[in-house]
C-alpha atoms as a PDB file:
ATOM      1  CA  MET A   1      49.721-129.176 133.054  1.00  0.00           C
ATOM      2  CA  THR A   2      50.581-131.298 136.089  1.00  0.00           C
ATOM      3  CA  LYS A   3      48.711-134.470 136.832  1.00  0.00           C
ATOM      4  CA  ARG A   4      46.617-134.365 140.025  1.00  0.00           C
ATOM      5  CA  LEU A   5      46.604-137.212 142.487  1.00  0.00           C
ATOM      6  CA  ALA A   6      43.550-139.452 142.310  1.00  0.00           C
ATOM      7  CA  PHE A   7      42.106-138.342 145.642  1.00  0.00           C
ATOM      8  CA  LEU A   8      42.270-134.663 144.605  1.00  0.00           C
ATOM      9  CA  ASN A   9      39.765-135.047 141.785  1.00  0.00           C
ATOM     10  CA  LYS A  10      36.769-134.281 143.993  1.00  0.00           C
ATOM     11  CA  ALA A  11      36.180-131.134 146.026  1.00  0.00           C
ATOM     12  CA  TYR A  12      37.466-131.351 149.597  1.00  0.00           C
ATOM     13  CA  SER A  13      38.641-134.947 149.108  1.00  0.00           C
ATOM     14  CA  ALA A  14      42.125-134.214 150.491  1.00  0.00           C
ATOM     15  CA  TYR A  15      40.518-133.723 153.915  1.00  0.00           C
ATOM     16  CA  TYR A  16      40.025-137.481 154.240  1.00  0.00           C
ATOM     17  CA  HIS A  17      43.629-138.257 153.316  1.00  0.00           C
ATOM     18  CA  ARG A  18      45.453-135.921 155.655  1.00  0.00           C
ATOM     19  CA  GLY A  19      47.737-137.186 158.380  1.00  0.00           C
ATOM     20  CA  MET A  20      46.977-136.901 162.082  1.00  0.00           C
ATOM     21  CA  PRO A  21      49.245-134.361 163.790  1.00  0.00           C
ATOM     22  CA  ALA A  22      51.054-135.284 166.988  1.00  0.00           C
ATOM     23  CA  ALA A  23      49.414-134.239 170.259  1.00  0.00           C
ATOM     24  CA  ASP A  24      50.492-130.811 171.446  1.00  0.00           C
ATOM     25  CA  ASP A  25      51.007-131.103 175.214  1.00  0.00           C
ATOM     26  CA  GLU A  26      50.952-127.337 175.639  1.00  0.00           C
ATOM     27  CA  LEU A  27      47.367-127.224 174.320  1.00  0.00           C
ATOM     28  CA  THR A  28      45.952-130.583 175.410  1.00  0.00           C
ATOM     29  CA  ARG A  29      47.077-130.869 179.049  1.00  0.00           C
ATOM     30  CA  VAL A  30      44.867-128.983 181.523  1.00  0.00           C
ATOM     31  CA  GLY A  31      46.166-130.111 184.905  1.00  0.00           C
ATOM     32  CA  PRO A  32      47.488-127.703 187.546  1.00  0.00           C
ATOM     33  CA  GLY A  33      50.671-125.953 186.445  1.00  0.00           C
ATOM     34  CA  THR A  34      50.182-126.520 182.702  1.00  0.00           C
ATOM     35  CA  PRO A  35      49.897-123.527 180.340  1.00  0.00           C
ATOM     36  CA  CYS A  36      46.433-124.420 179.026  1.00  0.00           C
ATOM     37  CA  GLY A  37      45.180-125.392 182.493  1.00  0.00           C
ATOM     38  CA  GLU A  38      46.337-122.100 183.993  1.00  0.00           C
ATOM     39  CA  TYR A  39      44.674-120.192 181.132  1.00  0.00           C
ATOM     40  CA  LEU A  40      41.331-122.020 181.495  1.00  0.00           C
ATOM     41  CA  ARG A  41      41.320-121.420 185.262  1.00  0.00           C
ATOM     42  CA  ARG A  42      41.018-117.671 184.596  1.00  0.00           C
ATOM     43  CA  PHE A  43      37.428-118.123 183.395  1.00  0.00           C
ATOM     44  CA  TRP A  44      34.205-119.433 184.895  1.00  0.00           C
ATOM     45  CA  GLN A  45      33.635-123.093 184.033  1.00  0.00           C
ATOM     46  CA  PRO A  46      30.011-124.301 184.194  1.00  0.00           C
ATOM     47  CA  VAL A  47      30.367-127.737 185.757  1.00  0.00           C
ATOM     48  CA  VAL A  48      26.975-128.591 187.223  1.00  0.00           C
ATOM     49  CA  VAL A  49      23.382-127.444 186.744  1.00  0.00           C
ATOM     50  CA  SER A  50      21.946-125.910 189.912  1.00  0.00           C
ATOM     51  CA  SER A  51      18.882-128.160 189.721  1.00  0.00           C
ATOM     52  CA  GLU A  52      21.186-131.216 190.054  1.00  0.00           C
ATOM     53  CA  LEU A  53      22.295-130.132 193.513  1.00  0.00           C
ATOM     54  CA  GLY A  54      20.387-131.338 196.537  1.00  0.00           C
ATOM     55  CA  ASP A  55      21.211-131.872 200.192  1.00  0.00           C
ATOM     56  CA  VAL A  56      24.139-134.177 199.412  1.00  0.00           C
ATOM     57  CA  PRO A  57      27.359-132.626 198.015  1.00  0.00           C
ATOM     58  CA  LYS A  58      28.372-133.724 194.536  1.00  0.00           C
ATOM     59  CA  ARG A  59      31.967-134.759 193.733  1.00  0.00           C
ATOM     60  CA  LEU A  60      33.385-134.019 190.313  1.00  0.00           C
ATOM     61  CA  LYS A  61      36.686-133.699 188.521  1.00  0.00           C
ATOM     62  CA  ILE A  62      37.428-130.790 186.194  1.00  0.00           C
ATOM     63  CA  LEU A  63      40.741-129.584 184.800  1.00  0.00           C
ATOM     64  CA  GLY A  64      42.479-132.399 186.655  1.00  0.00           C
ATOM     65  CA  GLU A  65      41.276-131.309 190.101  1.00  0.00           C
ATOM     66  CA  ASP A  66      38.830-133.075 192.420  1.00  0.00           C
ATOM     67  CA  LEU A  67      36.096-130.676 193.544  1.00  0.00           C
ATOM     68  CA  VAL A  68      32.996-130.814 195.714  1.00  0.00           C
ATOM     69  CA  VAL A  69      29.956-128.766 194.702  1.00  0.00           C
ATOM     70  CA  PHE A  70      27.301-128.134 197.337  1.00  0.00           C
ATOM     71  CA  ARG A  71      24.428-125.869 198.301  1.00  0.00           C
ATOM     72  CA  ASP A  72      25.236-123.662 201.280  1.00  0.00           C
ATOM     73  CA  GLY A  73      22.780-122.843 204.074  1.00  0.00           C
ATOM     74  CA  SER A  74      21.453-119.733 202.339  1.00  0.00           C
ATOM     75  CA  GLY A  75      20.558-121.634 199.156  1.00  0.00           C
ATOM     76  CA  GLY A  76      23.570-120.497 197.124  1.00  0.00           C
ATOM     77  CA  ASP A  77      25.766-122.889 195.173  1.00  0.00           C
ATOM     78  CA  ARG A  78      29.382-123.271 196.267  1.00  0.00           C
ATOM     79  CA  SER A  79      32.422-125.329 195.302  1.00  0.00           C
ATOM     80  CA  ASP A  80      35.606-126.262 197.110  1.00  0.00           C
ATOM     81  CA  ARG A  81      38.579-128.551 196.600  1.00  0.00           C
ATOM     82  CA  ALA A  82      37.803-132.090 197.647  1.00  0.00           C
ATOM     83  CA  ALA A  83      39.516-133.246 200.814  1.00  0.00           C
ATOM     84  CA  LEU A  84      41.729-136.241 200.089  1.00  0.00           C
ATOM     85  CA  PRO A  85      42.198-139.123 202.503  1.00  0.00           C
ATOM     86  CA  ALA A  86      45.539-139.008 204.358  1.00  0.00           C
ATOM     87  CA  SER A  87      46.781-142.052 202.406  1.00  0.00           C
ATOM     88  CA  ARG A  88      46.557-140.102 199.122  1.00  0.00           C
ATOM     89  CA  HIS A  89      48.787-137.320 200.474  1.00  0.00           C
ATOM     90  CA  LEU A  90      51.624-139.763 201.134  1.00  0.00           C
ATOM     91  CA  ALA A  91      53.687-140.486 198.070  1.00  0.00           C
END
């Protein structure tokens, strides 16, 4: 019979001794143009509760994009890309 390592003597104890895998950029990056980001953009993303919206638009960042969420004149909730100052467009 083979001898077991000391940390394997208790049930599920190997879980605490496992190594941390390297980050997988294909799964962890969600910015525009990334595989995971493009996949997540195919679905609705709840980003703000309707009761949090008032007369003033709310800025937020989701999936690496700056957005503005606001209530339109008919009482519906809307979102749009945030307008960037001209200085941010110049690189």
